[in-house]
Amino acid sequence: MLAEFDVHLVIDNYATDQTPLIQRRLVKRPRWHVHLTPISSSWSNQVERFFALLTDKKIRRGVYRSLAALMADIASFIERRNAHPKPLQWTIHQ
């Protein structure tokens, strides 16, 4: 079921994908795509924040008896969020 999807790795450490072990694994997995971002880039922070929201607002509150149920819950969260998209905003806490 999941074999039809590509896997996208977002890495904010440019050296991570250069180790021989990782290189060998990536060659054997053509569905895997590595995306490098500058260290501590705001883009990767936004990705991390989205997954934190998904975890806090959906996954942590659910009880999943199957992978299909978990995937359906994640898909519904994304669909609802995309229906009324809002950019994540930086705030200063004092």
C-alpha atoms as a PDB file:
ATOM      1  CA  MET A   1       0.000   0.000   0.000  1.00  0.00           C
ATOM      2  CA  LEU A   2       2.708   2.522   0.929  1.00  0.00           C
ATOM      3  CA  ALA A   3       5.054   1.322  -1.796  1.00  0.00           C
ATOM      4  CA  GLU A   4       3.406   3.644  -4.306  1.00  0.00           C
ATOM      5  CA  PHE A   5       4.453   6.781  -2.384  1.00  0.00           C
ATOM      6  CA  ASP A   6       7.788   8.551  -2.553  1.00  0.00           C
ATOM      7  CA  VAL A   7       9.629   9.385   0.643  1.00  0.00           C
ATOM      8  CA  HIS A   8      11.001  12.914   0.967  1.00  0.00           C
ATOM      9  CA  LEU A   9      13.733  13.485   3.530  1.00  0.00           C
ATOM     10  CA  VAL A  10      14.260  17.070   4.637  1.00  0.00           C
ATOM     11  CA  ILE A  11      17.723  17.355   6.126  1.00  0.00           C
ATOM     12  CA  ASP A  12      19.124  20.505   7.672  1.00  0.00           C
ATOM     13  CA  ASN A  13      22.629  19.118   8.059  1.00  0.00           C
ATOM     14  CA  TYR A  14      24.371  19.002   4.703  1.00  0.00           C
ATOM     15  CA  ALA A  15      26.817  16.279   5.794  1.00  0.00           C
ATOM     16  CA  THR A  16      24.179  13.750   6.887  1.00  0.00           C
ATOM     17  CA  ASP A  17      23.487  12.401   3.415  1.00  0.00           C
ATOM     18  CA  GLN A  18      27.178  12.174   2.485  1.00  0.00           C
ATOM     19  CA  THR A  19      28.155   9.268   4.734  1.00  0.00           C
ATOM     20  CA  PRO A  20      28.868   6.022   2.866  1.00  0.00           C
ATOM     21  CA  LEU A  21      26.166   4.121   4.760  1.00  0.00           C
ATOM     22  CA  ILE A  22      23.475   6.658   3.842  1.00  0.00           C
ATOM     23  CA  GLN A  23      24.683   6.850   0.237  1.00  0.00           C
ATOM     24  CA  ARG A  24      24.379   3.051  -0.133  1.00  0.00           C
ATOM     25  CA  ARG A  25      20.891   3.063   1.364  1.00  0.00           C
ATOM     26  CA  LEU A  26      19.684   5.883  -0.890  1.00  0.00           C
ATOM     27  CA  VAL A  27      20.991   4.130  -4.022  1.00  0.00           C
ATOM     28  CA  LYS A  28      18.934   1.064  -3.086  1.00  0.00           C
ATOM     29  CA  ARG A  29      15.804   3.184  -2.510  1.00  0.00           C
ATOM     30  CA  PRO A  30      14.972   5.218  -5.629  1.00  0.00           C
ATOM     31  CA  ARG A  31      11.659   6.395  -4.112  1.00  0.00           C
ATOM     32  CA  TRP A  32      13.616   8.292  -1.447  1.00  0.00           C
ATOM     33  CA  HIS A  33      14.479  11.906  -2.231  1.00  0.00           C
ATOM     34  CA  VAL A  34      16.758  14.054  -0.101  1.00  0.00           C
ATOM     35  CA  HIS A  35      16.081  17.785   0.233  1.00  0.00           C
ATOM     36  CA  LEU A  36      18.835  19.795   1.862  1.00  0.00           C
ATOM     37  CA  THR A  37      18.135  23.074   3.609  1.00  0.00           C
ATOM     38  CA  PRO A  38      20.552  25.486   5.230  1.00  0.00           C
ATOM     39  CA  ILE A  39      21.218  24.677   8.875  1.00  0.00           C
ATOM     40  CA  SER A  40      18.506  26.215  11.080  1.00  0.00           C
ATOM     41  CA  SER A  41      16.618  27.528   8.076  1.00  0.00           C
ATOM     42  CA  SER A  42      13.188  28.952   8.741  1.00  0.00           C
ATOM     43  CA  TRP A  43      11.715  26.534   6.163  1.00  0.00           C
ATOM     44  CA  SER A  44      12.729  23.452   8.122  1.00  0.00           C
ATOM     45  CA  ASN A  45      11.480  25.082  11.314  1.00  0.00           C
ATOM     46  CA  GLN A  46       8.087  25.530   9.608  1.00  0.00           C
ATOM     47  CA  VAL A  47       8.032  21.837   8.665  1.00  0.00           C
ATOM     48  CA  GLU A  48       8.880  20.847  12.229  1.00  0.00           C
ATOM     49  CA  ARG A  49       6.156  23.164  13.543  1.00  0.00           C
ATOM     50  CA  PHE A  50       3.561  21.600  11.222  1.00  0.00           C
ATOM     51  CA  PHE A  51       4.396  18.107  12.471  1.00  0.00           C
ATOM     52  CA  ALA A  52       4.226  19.361  16.052  1.00  0.00           C
ATOM     53  CA  LEU A  53       0.707  20.716  15.356  1.00  0.00           C
ATOM     54  CA  LEU A  54      -0.310  17.443  13.740  1.00  0.00           C
ATOM     55  CA  THR A  55       0.991  15.518  16.739  1.00  0.00           C
ATOM     56  CA  ASP A  56      -0.538  17.817  19.367  1.00  0.00           C
ATOM     57  CA  LYS A  57      -3.926  18.348  17.757  1.00  0.00           C
ATOM     58  CA  LYS A  58      -4.563  14.984  16.133  1.00  0.00           C
ATOM     59  CA  ILE A  59      -2.274  12.038  16.664  1.00  0.00           C
ATOM     60  CA  ARG A  60      -1.744  12.320  20.411  1.00  0.00           C
ATOM     61  CA  ARG A  61      -5.513  12.479  20.961  1.00  0.00           C
ATOM     62  CA  GLY A  62      -6.303   9.435  18.849  1.00  0.00           C
ATOM     63  CA  VAL A  63      -6.380   5.716  19.391  1.00  0.00           C
ATOM     64  CA  TYR A  64      -5.279   3.851  16.291  1.00  0.00           C
ATOM     65  CA  ARG A  65      -5.845   0.149  15.905  1.00  0.00           C
ATOM     66  CA  SER A  66      -4.418   0.067  12.385  1.00  0.00           C
ATOM     67  CA  LEU A  67      -2.058   1.939  10.103  1.00  0.00           C
ATOM     68  CA  ALA A  68      -5.019   2.691   7.802  1.00  0.00           C
ATOM     69  CA  ALA A  69      -6.854   4.446  10.660  1.00  0.00           C
ATOM     70  CA  LEU A  70      -3.797   6.557  11.472  1.00  0.00           C
ATOM     71  CA  MET A  71      -3.301   7.487   7.818  1.00  0.00           C
ATOM     72  CA  ALA A  72      -6.981   8.433   7.455  1.00  0.00           C
ATOM     73  CA  ASP A  73      -6.766  10.690  10.512  1.00  0.00           C
ATOM     74  CA  ILE A  74      -3.627  12.396   9.194  1.00  0.00           C
ATOM     75  CA  ALA A  75      -5.249  12.879   5.770  1.00  0.00           C
ATOM     76  CA  SER A  76      -8.373  14.419   7.330  1.00  0.00           C
ATOM     77  CA  PHE A  77      -6.224  16.800   9.408  1.00  0.00           C
ATOM     78  CA  ILE A  78      -4.368  17.926   6.286  1.00  0.00           C
ATOM     79  CA  GLU A  79      -7.591  18.309   4.274  1.00  0.00           C
ATOM     80  CA  ARG A  80      -9.198  20.456   6.994  1.00  0.00           C
ATOM     81  CA  ARG A  81      -6.078  22.562   7.361  1.00  0.00           C
ATOM     82  CA  ASN A  82      -5.766  23.028   3.587  1.00  0.00           C
ATOM     83  CA  ALA A  83      -9.422  24.103   3.329  1.00  0.00           C
ATOM     84  CA  HIS A  84      -8.544  27.251   5.306  1.00  0.00           C
ATOM     85  CA  PRO A  85      -4.780  27.581   5.066  1.00  0.00           C
ATOM     86  CA  LYS A  86      -2.923  29.997   7.291  1.00  0.00           C
ATOM     87  CA  PRO A  87       0.808  30.483   7.289  1.00  0.00           C
ATOM     88  CA  LEU A  88       2.619  29.615  10.467  1.00  0.00           C
ATOM     89  CA  GLN A  89       3.739  32.846  12.091  1.00  0.00           C
ATOM     90  CA  TRP A  90       6.716  33.616  14.245  1.00  0.00           C
ATOM     91  CA  THR A  91       6.004  35.150  17.613  1.00  0.00           C
ATOM     92  CA  ILE A  92       8.297  36.567  20.224  1.00  0.00           C
ATOM     93  CA  HIS A  93       7.756  35.230  23.717  1.00  0.00           C
ATOM     94  CA  GLN A  94       8.878  37.519  26.503  1.00  0.00           C
END
